[in-house]
Amino acid sequence: MRDIHTNKSYDEELDQLRATLSEMAGLAEAQLHNAVTALVARDMILAQKSIADDERIDRLEHLAEERAIEIIARRAPLADDLRELVAAIRLSGALERIGDYAKNIAKRTTVLVNVLPMRQISIIPEMAKQAQRMISDVMDAYIQRDSALAIDVWARDERIDLLYDSLFRELLTYMMEKPELITACTHLIFIAKNIERVGDQATNIAEVAYYMIEGRSMKDNRVKRDETAFADPSDNTESDNGS
């Protein structure tokens, strides 16, 4: 339950911060959708739009951080309010990363427009659909302070992981059958990995939201996968730019 404030301007400041984060999430979700739609449709214009939209998310991240830090400095919040403000800073960073991953997908799409192996592409839209739903639902959990929904979103990440594993194995087989498509398939692996990372960020947001709501960490009882065989050799978003 949120703290009740006697100062109306304080509530307005918190509402503005929540609105900024909600706008970020909506933009990130749309950016991911556009990037994957551009991939499937071989739509260069939509891919370029997805790349350009990342700047808006970056600006909103700075705005959210500035607002949260300013509220902390001026209001000296305690308990629930302090947890929410710290959560807001972490959420803005996670949403910005999601925008970066969508941008990377769009950049690789511009390379793949004329060389895309269509047989393997069906899993990627399904991965993206599930990741988009995770973003939407985890923000609902944050805004509505629904810890049960946060747990539900957190658990869904495994579905995306399994889809990624399946696609990775299928593409390896396809590359052995058709060596001329090794470059295109490698781009698809990186695209799928970026979507898998979006799921990871949604999971991180779920953990932050749960802590904000409950005041304690979410217990991690999920069996961890062996990431070694499926790792992107570059774990840096900036270097995985499709160039």
C-alpha atoms as a PDB file:
ATOM      1  CA  MET A   1       0.000   0.000   0.000  1.00  0.00           C
ATOM      2  CA  ARG A   2       1.333   3.434  -0.945  1.00  0.00           C
ATOM      3  CA  ASP A   3       2.123   6.035   1.691  1.00  0.00           C
ATOM      4  CA  ILE A   4      -0.575   8.713   1.972  1.00  0.00           C
ATOM      5  CA  HIS A   5       0.862  12.229   1.758  1.00  0.00           C
ATOM      6  CA  THR A   6      -0.573  15.460   3.066  1.00  0.00           C
ATOM      7  CA  ASN A   7       1.458  17.368   0.483  1.00  0.00           C
ATOM      8  CA  LYS A   8      -0.397  17.273  -2.830  1.00  0.00           C
ATOM      9  CA  SER A   9       2.630  18.414  -4.832  1.00  0.00           C
ATOM     10  CA  TYR A  10       4.576  15.394  -3.550  1.00  0.00           C
ATOM     11  CA  ASP A  11       1.933  13.036  -4.943  1.00  0.00           C
ATOM     12  CA  GLU A  12       1.962  14.934  -8.231  1.00  0.00           C
ATOM     13  CA  GLU A  13       5.738  14.544  -8.489  1.00  0.00           C
ATOM     14  CA  LEU A  14       5.476  10.793  -7.930  1.00  0.00           C
ATOM     15  CA  ASP A  15       2.645  10.544 -10.465  1.00  0.00           C
ATOM     16  CA  GLN A  16       4.756  12.380 -13.050  1.00  0.00           C
ATOM     17  CA  LEU A  17       7.609   9.965 -12.449  1.00  0.00           C
ATOM     18  CA  ARG A  18       5.316   6.951 -12.862  1.00  0.00           C
ATOM     19  CA  ALA A  19       3.921   8.454 -16.056  1.00  0.00           C
ATOM     20  CA  THR A  20       7.420   8.910 -17.465  1.00  0.00           C
ATOM     21  CA  LEU A  21       8.265   5.277 -16.772  1.00  0.00           C
ATOM     22  CA  SER A  22       4.989   4.115 -18.319  1.00  0.00           C
ATOM     23  CA  GLU A  23       5.742   6.169 -21.429  1.00  0.00           C
ATOM     24  CA  MET A  24       9.213   4.631 -21.617  1.00  0.00           C
ATOM     25  CA  ALA A  25       7.773   1.129 -21.371  1.00  0.00           C
ATOM     26  CA  GLY A  26       5.216   1.822 -24.098  1.00  0.00           C
ATOM     27  CA  LEU A  27       7.895   3.174 -26.405  1.00  0.00           C
ATOM     28  CA  ALA A  28      10.232   0.250 -25.711  1.00  0.00           C
ATOM     29  CA  GLU A  29       7.455  -2.248 -26.390  1.00  0.00           C
ATOM     30  CA  ALA A  30       6.557  -0.495 -29.660  1.00  0.00           C
ATOM     31  CA  GLN A  31      10.205  -0.243 -30.676  1.00  0.00           C
ATOM     32  CA  LEU A  32      10.679  -3.987 -30.228  1.00  0.00           C
ATOM     33  CA  HIS A  33       7.468  -4.702 -32.147  1.00  0.00           C
ATOM     34  CA  ASN A  34       8.559  -2.460 -35.030  1.00  0.00           C
ATOM     35  CA  ALA A  35      12.034  -3.989 -35.168  1.00  0.00           C
ATOM     36  CA  VAL A  36      10.720  -7.545 -35.430  1.00  0.00           C
ATOM     37  CA  THR A  37       7.916  -6.572 -37.818  1.00  0.00           C
ATOM     38  CA  ALA A  38      10.532  -4.914 -40.024  1.00  0.00           C
ATOM     39  CA  LEU A  39      12.556  -8.127 -39.955  1.00  0.00           C
ATOM     40  CA  VAL A  40       9.644 -10.323 -41.018  1.00  0.00           C
ATOM     41  CA  ALA A  41       8.353  -7.858 -43.630  1.00  0.00           C
ATOM     42  CA  ARG A  42      11.849  -6.880 -44.844  1.00  0.00           C
ATOM     43  CA  ASP A  43      10.783  -3.272 -44.241  1.00  0.00           C
ATOM     44  CA  MET A  44      13.830  -1.001 -44.250  1.00  0.00           C
ATOM     45  CA  ILE A  45      11.809   2.133 -43.430  1.00  0.00           C
ATOM     46  CA  LEU A  46      10.274   0.558 -40.323  1.00  0.00           C
ATOM     47  CA  ALA A  47      13.691  -0.720 -39.245  1.00  0.00           C
ATOM     48  CA  GLN A  48      15.127   2.787 -39.522  1.00  0.00           C
ATOM     49  CA  LYS A  49      12.204   4.145 -37.494  1.00  0.00           C
ATOM     50  CA  SER A  50      12.908   1.636 -34.737  1.00  0.00           C
ATOM     51  CA  ILE A  51      16.548   2.727 -34.676  1.00  0.00           C
ATOM     52  CA  ALA A  52      15.609   6.417 -34.505  1.00  0.00           C
ATOM     53  CA  ASP A  53      13.027   5.894 -31.746  1.00  0.00           C
ATOM     54  CA  ASP A  54      15.757   4.806 -29.340  1.00  0.00           C
ATOM     55  CA  GLU A  55      16.749   8.443 -28.795  1.00  0.00           C
ATOM     56  CA  ARG A  56      13.327   9.196 -27.279  1.00  0.00           C
ATOM     57  CA  ILE A  57      13.762   6.396 -24.745  1.00  0.00           C
ATOM     58  CA  ASP A  58      17.252   7.654 -23.891  1.00  0.00           C
ATOM     59  CA  ARG A  59      15.876  11.142 -23.216  1.00  0.00           C
ATOM     60  CA  LEU A  60      13.107   9.774 -21.014  1.00  0.00           C
ATOM     61  CA  GLU A  61      15.617   7.700 -19.046  1.00  0.00           C
ATOM     62  CA  HIS A  62      17.557  10.857 -18.188  1.00  0.00           C
ATOM     63  CA  LEU A  63      14.323  12.644 -17.278  1.00  0.00           C
ATOM     64  CA  ALA A  64      13.167   9.808 -15.001  1.00  0.00           C
ATOM     65  CA  GLU A  65      16.511   9.626 -13.224  1.00  0.00           C
ATOM     66  CA  GLU A  66      16.630  13.392 -12.741  1.00  0.00           C
ATOM     67  CA  ARG A  67      13.098  13.459 -11.338  1.00  0.00           C
ATOM     68  CA  ALA A  68      13.737  10.565  -8.957  1.00  0.00           C
ATOM     69  CA  ILE A  69      17.010  12.020  -7.676  1.00  0.00           C
ATOM     70  CA  GLU A  70      15.454  15.460  -7.264  1.00  0.00           C
ATOM     71  CA  ILE A  71      12.556  14.036  -5.227  1.00  0.00           C
ATOM     72  CA  ILE A  72      14.960  12.098  -3.009  1.00  0.00           C
ATOM     73  CA  ALA A  73      17.070  15.221  -2.454  1.00  0.00           C
ATOM     74  CA  ARG A  74      14.148  17.529  -1.663  1.00  0.00           C
ATOM     75  CA  ARG A  75      11.732  15.201   0.130  1.00  0.00           C
ATOM     76  CA  ALA A  76      14.093  12.872   2.029  1.00  0.00           C
ATOM     77  CA  PRO A  77      11.575  10.015   1.602  1.00  0.00           C
ATOM     78  CA  LEU A  78      11.374   6.976   3.847  1.00  0.00           C
ATOM     79  CA  ALA A  79      10.068   3.398   3.623  1.00  0.00           C
ATOM     80  CA  ASP A  80       7.707   2.780   0.677  1.00  0.00           C
ATOM     81  CA  ASP A  81       8.451   6.074  -1.051  1.00  0.00           C
ATOM     82  CA  LEU A  82      12.206   5.578  -0.914  1.00  0.00           C
ATOM     83  CA  ARG A  83      11.887   2.060  -2.299  1.00  0.00           C
ATOM     84  CA  GLU A  84       9.713   3.347  -5.133  1.00  0.00           C
ATOM     85  CA  LEU A  85      12.169   6.087  -6.054  1.00  0.00           C
ATOM     86  CA  VAL A  86      15.142   3.740  -6.048  1.00  0.00           C
ATOM     87  CA  ALA A  87      13.059   1.292  -8.090  1.00  0.00           C
ATOM     88  CA  ALA A  88      12.240   4.046 -10.583  1.00  0.00           C
ATOM     89  CA  ILE A  89      15.925   4.675 -11.221  1.00  0.00           C
ATOM     90  CA  ARG A  90      16.554   0.967 -11.782  1.00  0.00           C
ATOM     91  CA  LEU A  91      13.460   0.578 -13.968  1.00  0.00           C
ATOM     92  CA  SER A  92      14.475   3.468 -16.200  1.00  0.00           C
ATOM     93  CA  GLY A  93      17.855   1.831 -16.754  1.00  0.00           C
ATOM     94  CA  ALA A  94      16.276  -1.532 -17.597  1.00  0.00           C
ATOM     95  CA  LEU A  95      13.819   0.057 -20.037  1.00  0.00           C
ATOM     96  CA  GLU A  96      16.637   1.959 -21.718  1.00  0.00           C
ATOM     97  CA  ARG A  97      18.488  -1.318 -22.206  1.00  0.00           C
ATOM     98  CA  ILE A  98      15.377  -2.841 -23.789  1.00  0.00           C
ATOM     99  CA  GLY A  99      15.379   0.062 -26.244  1.00  0.00           C
ATOM    100  CA  ASP A 100      19.024  -0.655 -27.033  1.00  0.00           C
ATOM    101  CA  TYR A 101      18.239  -4.304 -27.742  1.00  0.00           C
ATOM    102  CA  ALA A 102      15.393  -3.322 -30.065  1.00  0.00           C
ATOM    103  CA  LYS A 103      17.713  -0.911 -31.860  1.00  0.00           C
ATOM    104  CA  ASN A 104      20.277  -3.685 -32.314  1.00  0.00           C
ATOM    105  CA  ILE A 105      17.594  -5.936 -33.825  1.00  0.00           C
ATOM    106  CA  ALA A 106      16.611  -3.178 -36.251  1.00  0.00           C
ATOM    107  CA  LYS A 107      20.234  -2.573 -37.242  1.00  0.00           C
ATOM    108  CA  ARG A 108      20.748  -6.236 -38.037  1.00  0.00           C
ATOM    109  CA  THR A 109      17.466  -6.217 -39.965  1.00  0.00           C
ATOM    110  CA  THR A 110      18.881  -3.602 -42.338  1.00  0.00           C
ATOM    111  CA  VAL A 111      21.666  -6.068 -43.151  1.00  0.00           C
ATOM    112  CA  LEU A 112      19.294  -9.014 -43.598  1.00  0.00           C
ATOM    113  CA  VAL A 113      16.730  -7.438 -45.915  1.00  0.00           C
ATOM    114  CA  ASN A 114      17.987  -9.227 -49.028  1.00  0.00           C
ATOM    115  CA  VAL A 115      19.454 -12.414 -47.525  1.00  0.00           C
ATOM    116  CA  LEU A 116      16.932 -13.565 -44.929  1.00  0.00           C
ATOM    117  CA  PRO A 117      16.411 -17.335 -44.566  1.00  0.00           C
ATOM    118  CA  MET A 118      12.650 -17.360 -43.985  1.00  0.00           C
ATOM    119  CA  ARG A 119      12.380 -20.944 -42.733  1.00  0.00           C
ATOM    120  CA  GLN A 120      13.878 -20.072 -39.349  1.00  0.00           C
ATOM    121  CA  ILE A 121      12.100 -16.799 -38.736  1.00  0.00           C
ATOM    122  CA  SER A 122       8.812 -18.014 -37.209  1.00  0.00           C
ATOM    123  CA  ILE A 123      10.254 -18.479 -33.719  1.00  0.00           C
ATOM    124  CA  ILE A 124      11.559 -14.912 -33.560  1.00  0.00           C
ATOM    125  CA  PRO A 125       8.134 -13.174 -33.745  1.00  0.00           C
ATOM    126  CA  GLU A 126       6.838 -15.570 -31.084  1.00  0.00           C
ATOM    127  CA  MET A 127       9.796 -14.726 -28.829  1.00  0.00           C
ATOM    128  CA  ALA A 128       9.168 -11.016 -29.382  1.00  0.00           C
ATOM    129  CA  LYS A 129       5.432 -11.368 -28.688  1.00  0.00           C
ATOM    130  CA  GLN A 130       6.146 -13.017 -25.351  1.00  0.00           C
ATOM    131  CA  ALA A 131       8.789 -10.418 -24.483  1.00  0.00           C
ATOM    132  CA  GLN A 132       6.389  -7.562 -25.307  1.00  0.00           C
ATOM    133  CA  ARG A 133       3.737  -9.120 -23.092  1.00  0.00           C
ATOM    134  CA  MET A 134       6.273  -9.411 -20.273  1.00  0.00           C
ATOM    135  CA  ILE A 135       7.105  -5.705 -20.578  1.00  0.00           C
ATOM    136  CA  SER A 136       3.429  -4.724 -20.501  1.00  0.00           C
ATOM    137  CA  ASP A 137       2.541  -6.989 -17.600  1.00  0.00           C
ATOM    138  CA  VAL A 138       5.562  -6.154 -15.476  1.00  0.00           C
ATOM    139  CA  MET A 139       4.769  -2.457 -15.777  1.00  0.00           C
ATOM    140  CA  ASP A 140       1.199  -3.231 -14.694  1.00  0.00           C
ATOM    141  CA  ALA A 141       2.686  -5.031 -11.692  1.00  0.00           C
ATOM    142  CA  TYR A 142       4.783  -1.962 -10.907  1.00  0.00           C
ATOM    143  CA  ILE A 143       2.011   0.611 -11.330  1.00  0.00           C
ATOM    144  CA  GLN A 144      -0.692  -1.471  -9.598  1.00  0.00           C
ATOM    145  CA  ARG A 145       1.693  -2.821  -6.935  1.00  0.00           C
ATOM    146  CA  ASP A 146       0.756  -6.378  -7.799  1.00  0.00           C
ATOM    147  CA  SER A 147       3.461  -8.661  -6.413  1.00  0.00           C
ATOM    148  CA  ALA A 148       1.709 -11.814  -7.667  1.00  0.00           C
ATOM    149  CA  LEU A 149       1.829 -10.483 -11.230  1.00  0.00           C
ATOM    150  CA  ALA A 150       5.508  -9.621 -10.776  1.00  0.00           C
ATOM    151  CA  ILE A 151       6.192 -13.245  -9.818  1.00  0.00           C
ATOM    152  CA  ASP A 152       4.185 -14.471 -12.809  1.00  0.00           C
ATOM    153  CA  VAL A 153       6.181 -12.310 -15.229  1.00  0.00           C
ATOM    154  CA  TRP A 154       9.441 -13.396 -13.641  1.00  0.00           C
ATOM    155  CA  ALA A 155       8.562 -17.059 -14.188  1.00  0.00           C
ATOM    156  CA  ARG A 156       7.707 -16.523 -17.867  1.00  0.00           C
ATOM    157  CA  ASP A 157      11.286 -15.707 -18.814  1.00  0.00           C
ATOM    158  CA  GLU A 158      12.053 -19.414 -19.046  1.00  0.00           C
ATOM    159  CA  ARG A 159       9.699 -19.730 -22.029  1.00  0.00           C
ATOM    160  CA  ILE A 160      11.768 -17.238 -24.002  1.00  0.00           C
ATOM    161  CA  ASP A 161      14.968 -18.985 -22.939  1.00  0.00           C
ATOM    162  CA  LEU A 162      13.667 -22.294 -24.266  1.00  0.00           C
ATOM    163  CA  LEU A 163      12.609 -20.735 -27.574  1.00  0.00           C
ATOM    164  CA  TYR A 164      16.061 -19.212 -27.933  1.00  0.00           C
ATOM    165  CA  ASP A 165      17.732 -22.558 -27.267  1.00  0.00           C
ATOM    166  CA  SER A 166      15.529 -24.231 -29.876  1.00  0.00           C
ATOM    167  CA  LEU A 167      16.242 -21.593 -32.510  1.00  0.00           C
ATOM    168  CA  PHE A 168      19.974 -21.661 -31.779  1.00  0.00           C
ATOM    169  CA  ARG A 169      20.171 -25.401 -32.378  1.00  0.00           C
ATOM    170  CA  GLU A 170      18.023 -25.192 -35.510  1.00  0.00           C
ATOM    171  CA  LEU A 171      20.149 -22.428 -37.001  1.00  0.00           C
ATOM    172  CA  LEU A 172      23.363 -24.321 -36.310  1.00  0.00           C
ATOM    173  CA  THR A 173      21.979 -27.261 -38.270  1.00  0.00           C
ATOM    174  CA  TYR A 174      20.809 -24.970 -41.072  1.00  0.00           C
ATOM    175  CA  MET A 175      24.245 -23.338 -41.328  1.00  0.00           C
ATOM    176  CA  MET A 176      25.867 -26.739 -41.763  1.00  0.00           C
ATOM    177  CA  GLU A 177      23.386 -27.583 -44.521  1.00  0.00           C
ATOM    178  CA  LYS A 178      23.712 -24.203 -46.277  1.00  0.00           C
ATOM    179  CA  PRO A 179      27.128 -22.612 -45.606  1.00  0.00           C
ATOM    180  CA  GLU A 180      26.244 -19.691 -47.883  1.00  0.00           C
ATOM    181  CA  LEU A 181      23.732 -18.556 -45.229  1.00  0.00           C
ATOM    182  CA  ILE A 182      26.127 -18.619 -42.276  1.00  0.00           C
ATOM    183  CA  THR A 183      26.311 -14.808 -42.090  1.00  0.00           C
ATOM    184  CA  ALA A 184      22.535 -14.362 -42.250  1.00  0.00           C
ATOM    185  CA  CYS A 185      21.934 -17.086 -39.675  1.00  0.00           C
ATOM    186  CA  THR A 186      24.527 -15.560 -37.358  1.00  0.00           C
ATOM    187  CA  HIS A 187      22.628 -12.265 -37.488  1.00  0.00           C
ATOM    188  CA  LEU A 188      19.425 -14.151 -36.632  1.00  0.00           C
ATOM    189  CA  ILE A 189      21.117 -15.747 -33.629  1.00  0.00           C
ATOM    190  CA  PHE A 190      22.155 -12.312 -32.376  1.00  0.00           C
ATOM    191  CA  ILE A 191      18.626 -10.986 -32.979  1.00  0.00           C
ATOM    192  CA  ALA A 192      17.148 -13.850 -30.970  1.00  0.00           C
ATOM    193  CA  LYS A 193      19.710 -13.252 -28.237  1.00  0.00           C
ATOM    194  CA  ASN A 194      18.664  -9.609 -28.027  1.00  0.00           C
ATOM    195  CA  ILE A 195      15.039 -10.677 -27.571  1.00  0.00           C
ATOM    196  CA  GLU A 196      16.129 -13.133 -24.893  1.00  0.00           C
ATOM    197  CA  ARG A 197      17.896 -10.241 -23.171  1.00  0.00           C
ATOM    198  CA  VAL A 198      14.675  -8.218 -23.293  1.00  0.00           C
ATOM    199  CA  GLY A 199      13.086 -11.040 -21.321  1.00  0.00           C
ATOM    200  CA  ASP A 200      15.967 -10.867 -18.859  1.00  0.00           C
ATOM    201  CA  GLN A 201      15.387  -7.136 -18.367  1.00  0.00           C
ATOM    202  CA  ALA A 202      11.656  -7.708 -17.820  1.00  0.00           C
ATOM    203  CA  THR A 203      12.633 -10.284 -15.198  1.00  0.00           C
ATOM    204  CA  ASN A 204      14.915  -7.728 -13.549  1.00  0.00           C
ATOM    205  CA  ILE A 205      12.051  -5.234 -13.472  1.00  0.00           C
ATOM    206  CA  ALA A 206       9.820  -7.896 -11.902  1.00  0.00           C
ATOM    207  CA  GLU A 207      12.362  -8.419  -9.137  1.00  0.00           C
ATOM    208  CA  VAL A 208      12.662  -4.677  -8.533  1.00  0.00           C
ATOM    209  CA  ALA A 209       8.872  -4.248  -8.496  1.00  0.00           C
ATOM    210  CA  TYR A 210       8.481  -7.135  -6.061  1.00  0.00           C
ATOM    211  CA  TYR A 211      11.039  -5.629  -3.700  1.00  0.00           C
ATOM    212  CA  MET A 212       9.365  -2.224  -3.957  1.00  0.00           C
ATOM    213  CA  ILE A 213       5.980  -3.740  -3.085  1.00  0.00           C
ATOM    214  CA  GLU A 214       6.930  -6.316  -0.463  1.00  0.00           C
ATOM    215  CA  GLY A 215      10.093  -4.828   1.009  1.00  0.00           C
ATOM    216  CA  ARG A 216      12.000  -8.094   0.528  1.00  0.00           C
ATOM    217  CA  SER A 217      13.750  -9.863  -2.321  1.00  0.00           C
ATOM    218  CA  MET A 218      12.020 -12.385  -4.526  1.00  0.00           C
ATOM    219  CA  LYS A 219      13.282 -15.908  -3.840  1.00  0.00           C
ATOM    220  CA  ASP A 220      14.943 -17.490  -6.836  1.00  0.00           C
ATOM    221  CA  ASN A 221      13.952 -21.152  -6.938  1.00  0.00           C
ATOM    222  CA  ARG A 222      14.216 -21.557 -10.695  1.00  0.00           C
ATOM    223  CA  VAL A 223      16.817 -24.011 -12.026  1.00  0.00           C
ATOM    224  CA  LYS A 224      19.450 -22.080 -13.940  1.00  0.00           C
ATOM    225  CA  ARG A 225      20.331 -23.053 -17.486  1.00  0.00           C
ATOM    226  CA  ASP A 226      23.840 -23.691 -18.756  1.00  0.00           C
ATOM    227  CA  GLU A 227      24.383 -20.498 -20.758  1.00  0.00           C
ATOM    228  CA  THR A 228      27.827 -21.467 -22.067  1.00  0.00           C
ATOM    229  CA  ALA A 229      26.725 -23.080 -25.300  1.00  0.00           C
ATOM    230  CA  PHE A 230      24.267 -20.344 -26.196  1.00  0.00           C
ATOM    231  CA  ALA A 231      26.128 -17.207 -25.137  1.00  0.00           C
ATOM    232  CA  ASP A 232      26.484 -14.188 -27.349  1.00  0.00           C
ATOM    233  CA  PRO A 233      30.266 -13.662 -27.492  1.00  0.00           C
ATOM    234  CA  SER A 234      29.678  -9.976 -26.863  1.00  0.00           C
ATOM    235  CA  ASP A 235      27.695  -9.136 -23.750  1.00  0.00           C
ATOM    236  CA  ASN A 236      27.982  -5.424 -24.502  1.00  0.00           C
ATOM    237  CA  THR A 237      24.905  -3.856 -26.063  1.00  0.00           C
ATOM    238  CA  GLU A 238      26.917  -1.183 -27.797  1.00  0.00           C
ATOM    239  CA  SER A 239      29.219  -3.652 -29.545  1.00  0.00           C
ATOM    240  CA  ASP A 240      26.326  -5.848 -30.666  1.00  0.00           C
ATOM    241  CA  ASN A 241      25.124  -3.276 -33.149  1.00  0.00           C
ATOM    242  CA  GLY A 242      24.610  -5.279 -36.281  1.00  0.00           C
ATOM    243  CA  SER A 243      27.569  -3.700 -38.049  1.00  0.00           C
END
